Amino acid sequence: MIILLSHLGWEQELALVRSVPDVDVIIGGNYSRLRLEEAQRIGETGPIVVNAGYLGKWLGVLELVVDREGRIVSFTARRVLFDESIPADPVMQTWLEASLWAEGGRCPRSGG
């Protein structure tokens, strides 16, 4: 099974999948204009595409059922709002606050 973790954006990911047809799942980011409300499959047998939005507002959960040959039989995906109901991880929080992303003024848990 090949899972592509990407921040290329929708169009570039589609182009990549055309040249690397064995990709089974694309977990994408950088979809500020395109918001996939649910997982999508490209064609009948193409890869499953999921994203959790942008700017760290959501967590994505993808569950796959795979047969003995490694083929995806079924899948479910959902988004979970990344809010105060999910406890902050202190190590990750420290990293976020020190990162360039936080310096750009957008750290979800620090209020900045």
N, C-alpha and C. Protein backbone atom coordinates (compact mmCIF):
# COMPACT_ATOMS: atom_id res chain seq x y z
N MET A 1 0.84 -1.17 0.00
CA MET A 1 0.00 0.00 0.00
C MET A 1 0.89 1.24 0.00
N ILE A 2 0.55 2.18 -0.86
CA ILE A 2 1.29 3.44 -0.94
C ILE A 2 0.39 4.56 -0.47
N ILE A 3 0.83 5.28 0.59
CA ILE A 3 0.10 6.42 1.12
C ILE A 3 0.96 7.66 0.88
N LEU A 4 0.41 8.61 0.16
CA LEU A 4 1.11 9.85 -0.17
C LEU A 4 0.69 10.92 0.82
N LEU A 5 1.64 11.41 1.61
CA LEU A 5 1.41 12.56 2.49
C LEU A 5 1.91 13.77 1.73
N SER A 6 1.02 14.73 1.50
CA SER A 6 1.37 15.80 0.58
C SER A 6 0.91 17.16 1.07
N HIS A 7 1.65 18.14 0.67
CA HIS A 7 1.26 19.54 0.88
C HIS A 7 1.36 20.28 -0.45
N LEU A 8 1.25 19.53 -1.54
CA LEU A 8 1.38 20.10 -2.88
C LEU A 8 0.15 20.89 -3.30
N GLY A 9 -1.01 20.47 -2.87
CA GLY A 9 -2.27 21.04 -3.34
C GLY A 9 -2.94 20.10 -4.32
N TRP A 10 -4.24 20.28 -4.49
CA TRP A 10 -5.09 19.38 -5.25
C TRP A 10 -4.58 19.11 -6.65
N GLU A 11 -4.37 20.14 -7.46
CA GLU A 11 -3.98 19.95 -8.86
C GLU A 11 -2.66 19.21 -9.00
N GLN A 12 -1.68 19.57 -8.19
CA GLN A 12 -0.37 18.92 -8.26
C GLN A 12 -0.44 17.47 -7.80
N GLU A 13 -1.29 17.20 -6.81
CA GLU A 13 -1.45 15.82 -6.36
C GLU A 13 -2.09 14.97 -7.45
N LEU A 14 -3.08 15.51 -8.13
CA LEU A 14 -3.69 14.77 -9.24
C LEU A 14 -2.66 14.49 -10.33
N ALA A 15 -1.84 15.47 -10.64
CA ALA A 15 -0.80 15.27 -11.66
C ALA A 15 0.18 14.19 -11.22
N LEU A 16 0.56 14.21 -9.96
CA LEU A 16 1.49 13.21 -9.44
C LEU A 16 0.88 11.81 -9.52
N VAL A 17 -0.38 11.68 -9.18
CA VAL A 17 -1.04 10.37 -9.21
C VAL A 17 -1.12 9.85 -10.65
N ARG A 18 -1.25 10.73 -11.61
CA ARG A 18 -1.27 10.27 -13.01
C ARG A 18 0.07 9.66 -13.40
N SER A 19 1.16 10.16 -12.83
CA SER A 19 2.48 9.62 -13.18
C SER A 19 2.92 8.50 -12.24
N VAL A 20 2.28 8.37 -11.08
CA VAL A 20 2.57 7.30 -10.13
C VAL A 20 1.23 6.62 -9.81
N PRO A 21 0.76 5.76 -10.70
CA PRO A 21 -0.60 5.23 -10.57
C PRO A 21 -0.82 4.26 -9.42
N ASP A 22 0.21 3.83 -8.72
CA ASP A 22 0.04 2.84 -7.67
C ASP A 22 -0.29 3.45 -6.31
N VAL A 23 -0.47 4.77 -6.24
CA VAL A 23 -0.81 5.42 -4.98
C VAL A 23 -2.22 4.99 -4.57
N ASP A 24 -2.37 4.56 -3.32
CA ASP A 24 -3.66 4.10 -2.81
C ASP A 24 -4.42 5.17 -2.06
N VAL A 25 -3.70 6.01 -1.32
CA VAL A 25 -4.32 7.05 -0.49
C VAL A 25 -3.49 8.32 -0.61
N ILE A 26 -4.19 9.45 -0.73
CA ILE A 26 -3.54 10.76 -0.66
C ILE A 26 -4.08 11.46 0.58
N ILE A 27 -3.18 11.77 1.50
CA ILE A 27 -3.54 12.59 2.65
C ILE A 27 -2.94 13.95 2.35
N GLY A 28 -3.81 14.87 1.94
CA GLY A 28 -3.34 16.14 1.41
C GLY A 28 -3.54 17.30 2.36
N GLY A 29 -2.80 18.32 2.06
CA GLY A 29 -2.92 19.59 2.76
C GLY A 29 -2.85 20.71 1.74
N ASN A 30 -2.77 21.92 2.22
CA ASN A 30 -2.67 23.09 1.35
C ASN A 30 -3.92 23.22 0.47
N TYR A 31 -5.07 22.92 1.05
CA TYR A 31 -6.34 22.99 0.33
C TYR A 31 -7.14 24.19 0.82
N SER A 32 -6.56 25.35 0.83
CA SER A 32 -7.26 26.50 1.40
C SER A 32 -8.49 26.88 0.60
N ARG A 33 -8.48 26.64 -0.71
CA ARG A 33 -9.65 26.98 -1.52
C ARG A 33 -10.59 25.80 -1.71
N LEU A 34 -10.05 24.61 -1.67
CA LEU A 34 -10.86 23.41 -1.87
C LEU A 34 -11.02 22.70 -0.54
N ARG A 35 -12.24 22.50 -0.13
CA ARG A 35 -12.48 21.79 1.11
C ARG A 35 -13.26 20.53 0.80
N LEU A 36 -12.62 19.40 0.98
CA LEU A 36 -13.30 18.13 0.79
C LEU A 36 -14.04 17.81 2.07
N GLU A 37 -15.34 17.78 2.01
CA GLU A 37 -16.14 17.51 3.21
C GLU A 37 -16.09 16.04 3.60
N GLU A 38 -15.76 15.19 2.65
CA GLU A 38 -15.62 13.77 2.95
C GLU A 38 -14.56 13.18 2.03
N ALA A 39 -14.12 11.99 2.36
CA ALA A 39 -13.13 11.33 1.51
C ALA A 39 -13.72 11.10 0.13
N GLN A 40 -12.86 11.18 -0.86
CA GLN A 40 -13.28 10.93 -2.24
C GLN A 40 -12.36 9.91 -2.86
N ARG A 41 -12.91 9.12 -3.74
CA ARG A 41 -12.09 8.20 -4.52
C ARG A 41 -12.02 8.75 -5.93
N ILE A 42 -10.83 8.80 -6.49
CA ILE A 42 -10.66 9.28 -7.85
C ILE A 42 -10.94 8.11 -8.79
N GLY A 43 -12.04 8.17 -9.51
CA GLY A 43 -12.45 7.07 -10.37
C GLY A 43 -12.92 5.89 -9.54
N GLU A 44 -13.12 4.77 -10.20
CA GLU A 44 -13.62 3.58 -9.50
C GLU A 44 -12.54 2.86 -8.71
N THR A 45 -11.32 2.93 -9.19
CA THR A 45 -10.24 2.18 -8.53
C THR A 45 -9.05 3.06 -8.17
N GLY A 46 -9.19 4.36 -8.34
CA GLY A 46 -8.08 5.27 -8.05
C GLY A 46 -7.90 5.49 -6.56
N PRO A 47 -6.98 6.37 -6.22
CA PRO A 47 -6.68 6.60 -4.81
C PRO A 47 -7.82 7.29 -4.06
N ILE A 48 -7.83 7.07 -2.77
CA ILE A 48 -8.73 7.76 -1.86
C ILE A 48 -8.04 9.06 -1.47
N VAL A 49 -8.77 10.17 -1.52
CA VAL A 49 -8.20 11.47 -1.20
C VAL A 49 -8.91 12.01 0.04
N VAL A 50 -8.11 12.39 1.02
CA VAL A 50 -8.65 13.01 2.24
C VAL A 50 -7.81 14.23 2.59
N ASN A 51 -8.43 15.16 3.29
CA ASN A 51 -7.70 16.27 3.88
C ASN A 51 -8.47 16.73 5.11
N ALA A 52 -7.79 17.40 5.97
CA ALA A 52 -8.43 17.86 7.20
C ALA A 52 -8.54 19.37 7.22
N GLY A 53 -8.59 19.98 6.04
CA GLY A 53 -8.71 21.43 6.00
C GLY A 53 -7.34 22.09 6.07
N TYR A 54 -7.31 23.25 6.68
CA TYR A 54 -6.06 24.00 6.73
C TYR A 54 -5.98 24.81 8.03
N LEU A 55 -4.79 25.30 8.31
CA LEU A 55 -4.49 26.11 9.50
C LEU A 55 -4.73 25.37 10.82
N GLY A 56 -4.69 24.06 10.79
CA GLY A 56 -4.78 23.29 12.03
C GLY A 56 -6.13 23.36 12.72
N LYS A 57 -7.20 23.62 11.99
CA LYS A 57 -8.51 23.73 12.62
C LYS A 57 -9.19 22.38 12.83
N TRP A 58 -8.76 21.37 12.09
CA TRP A 58 -9.41 20.06 12.13
C TRP A 58 -8.36 18.96 12.23
N LEU A 59 -8.76 17.84 12.80
CA LEU A 59 -7.98 16.61 12.76
C LEU A 59 -8.71 15.66 11.82
N GLY A 60 -7.98 14.93 11.03
CA GLY A 60 -8.60 13.98 10.12
C GLY A 60 -8.44 12.56 10.62
N VAL A 61 -9.50 11.78 10.49
CA VAL A 61 -9.49 10.37 10.88
C VAL A 61 -9.88 9.56 9.65
N LEU A 62 -9.00 8.69 9.20
CA LEU A 62 -9.27 7.81 8.07
C LEU A 62 -9.12 6.37 8.54
N GLU A 63 -10.17 5.57 8.33
CA GLU A 63 -10.13 4.17 8.69
C GLU A 63 -10.26 3.35 7.41
N LEU A 64 -9.32 2.43 7.20
CA LEU A 64 -9.31 1.59 6.01
C LEU A 64 -9.55 0.14 6.40
N VAL A 65 -10.32 -0.56 5.59
CA VAL A 65 -10.44 -2.01 5.70
C VAL A 65 -9.69 -2.57 4.50
N VAL A 66 -8.69 -3.41 4.77
CA VAL A 66 -7.80 -3.91 3.73
C VAL A 66 -7.89 -5.43 3.70
N ASP A 67 -7.97 -6.00 2.49
CA ASP A 67 -8.03 -7.46 2.38
C ASP A 67 -6.63 -8.06 2.47
N ARG A 68 -6.53 -9.36 2.40
CA ARG A 68 -5.24 -10.05 2.56
C ARG A 68 -4.23 -9.70 1.47
N GLU A 69 -4.71 -9.24 0.34
CA GLU A 69 -3.82 -8.85 -0.77
C GLU A 69 -3.39 -7.38 -0.67
N GLY A 70 -3.86 -6.70 0.36
CA GLY A 70 -3.47 -5.31 0.55
C GLY A 70 -4.35 -4.31 -0.19
N ARG A 71 -5.48 -4.76 -0.73
CA ARG A 71 -6.40 -3.86 -1.43
C ARG A 71 -7.39 -3.26 -0.43
N ILE A 72 -7.71 -2.01 -0.65
CA ILE A 72 -8.68 -1.33 0.20
C ILE A 72 -10.07 -1.81 -0.17
N VAL A 73 -10.75 -2.41 0.78
CA VAL A 73 -12.09 -2.94 0.56
C VAL A 73 -13.14 -1.86 0.85
N SER A 74 -12.93 -1.11 1.92
CA SER A 74 -13.83 -0.02 2.27
C SER A 74 -13.07 1.00 3.11
N PHE A 75 -13.68 2.16 3.25
CA PHE A 75 -13.04 3.21 4.04
C PHE A 75 -14.09 4.15 4.59
N THR A 76 -13.74 4.78 5.71
CA THR A 76 -14.53 5.87 6.26
C THR A 76 -13.56 6.97 6.66
N ALA A 77 -14.04 8.17 6.59
CA ALA A 77 -13.22 9.31 6.99
C ALA A 77 -14.10 10.35 7.66
N ARG A 78 -13.51 11.06 8.59
CA ARG A 78 -14.26 12.13 9.25
C ARG A 78 -13.29 13.18 9.74
N ARG A 79 -13.83 14.34 10.00
CA ARG A 79 -13.06 15.43 10.59
C ARG A 79 -13.50 15.63 12.03
N VAL A 80 -12.55 15.99 12.86
CA VAL A 80 -12.82 16.32 14.25
C VAL A 80 -12.34 17.74 14.46
N LEU A 81 -13.24 18.61 14.93
CA LEU A 81 -12.86 20.00 15.19
C LEU A 81 -11.77 20.04 16.24
N PHE A 82 -10.67 20.68 15.93
CA PHE A 82 -9.53 20.79 16.83
C PHE A 82 -9.76 22.02 17.70
N ASP A 83 -10.47 21.79 18.80
CA ASP A 83 -10.80 22.90 19.69
C ASP A 83 -10.36 22.56 21.11
N GLU A 84 -10.84 23.31 22.07
CA GLU A 84 -10.41 23.13 23.46
C GLU A 84 -10.86 21.80 24.07
N SER A 85 -11.78 21.08 23.41
CA SER A 85 -12.19 19.79 23.94
C SER A 85 -11.11 18.72 23.77
N ILE A 86 -10.13 19.00 22.93
CA ILE A 86 -9.00 18.09 22.73
C ILE A 86 -7.81 18.66 23.49
N PRO A 87 -7.32 17.92 24.49
CA PRO A 87 -6.23 18.47 25.31
C PRO A 87 -4.97 18.72 24.48
N ALA A 88 -4.31 19.82 24.77
CA ALA A 88 -3.06 20.16 24.09
C ALA A 88 -1.95 19.21 24.55
N ASP A 89 -1.07 18.86 23.63
CA ASP A 89 0.12 18.10 23.94
C ASP A 89 1.21 19.12 24.26
N PRO A 90 1.76 19.10 25.47
CA PRO A 90 2.71 20.14 25.87
C PRO A 90 3.95 20.23 24.97
N VAL A 91 4.46 19.09 24.53
CA VAL A 91 5.65 19.10 23.65
C VAL A 91 5.30 19.73 22.31
N MET A 92 4.18 19.32 21.74
CA MET A 92 3.76 19.88 20.46
C MET A 92 3.44 21.36 20.60
N GLN A 93 2.82 21.76 21.68
CA GLN A 93 2.48 23.16 21.91
C GLN A 93 3.75 24.02 21.94
N THR A 94 4.76 23.54 22.63
CA THR A 94 6.03 24.27 22.69
C THR A 94 6.64 24.39 21.31
N TRP A 95 6.61 23.31 20.56
CA TRP A 95 7.16 23.36 19.20
C TRP A 95 6.38 24.34 18.33
N LEU A 96 5.04 24.28 18.39
CA LEU A 96 4.23 25.19 17.58
C LEU A 96 4.51 26.65 17.91
N GLU A 97 4.60 26.95 19.19
CA GLU A 97 4.81 28.33 19.59
C GLU A 97 6.18 28.84 19.17
N ALA A 98 7.14 27.95 19.01
CA ALA A 98 8.48 28.35 18.59
C ALA A 98 8.68 28.29 17.09
N SER A 99 7.72 27.74 16.37
CA SER A 99 7.90 27.52 14.93
C SER A 99 7.67 28.79 14.13
N LEU A 100 8.11 28.75 12.89
CA LEU A 100 7.87 29.88 11.99
C LEU A 100 6.38 30.11 11.79
N TRP A 101 5.60 29.02 11.81
CA TRP A 101 4.16 29.15 11.63
C TRP A 101 3.57 30.04 12.72
N ALA A 102 3.98 29.77 13.96
CA ALA A 102 3.48 30.59 15.08
C ALA A 102 3.97 32.03 14.95
N GLU A 103 5.20 32.22 14.48
CA GLU A 103 5.72 33.56 14.31
C GLU A 103 4.92 34.33 13.27
N GLY A 104 4.27 33.60 12.36
CA GLY A 104 3.42 34.23 11.36
C GLY A 104 2.10 34.68 11.96
N GLY A 105 1.89 34.44 13.23
CA GLY A 105 0.73 34.95 13.91
C GLY A 105 -0.44 33.99 14.02
N ARG A 106 -0.23 32.71 13.78
CA ARG A 106 -1.37 31.79 13.77
C ARG A 106 -1.02 30.51 14.50
N CYS A 107 -1.15 30.49 15.79
CA CYS A 107 -0.95 29.28 16.58
C CYS A 107 -2.27 28.96 17.27
N PRO A 108 -3.01 27.93 16.82
CA PRO A 108 -4.37 27.70 17.29
C PRO A 108 -4.54 27.61 18.81
N ARG A 109 -3.62 27.01 19.51
CA ARG A 109 -3.80 26.79 20.94
C ARG A 109 -3.30 27.94 21.80
N SER A 110 -2.47 28.81 21.26
CA SER A 110 -1.94 29.89 22.09
C SER A 110 -2.79 31.14 22.00
N GLY A 111 -3.76 31.12 21.08
CA GLY A 111 -4.59 32.29 20.89
C GLY A 111 -3.94 33.33 20.03
N GLY A 112 -2.70 33.05 19.60
CA GLY A 112 -1.96 34.03 18.80
C GLY A 112 -2.16 33.79 17.39
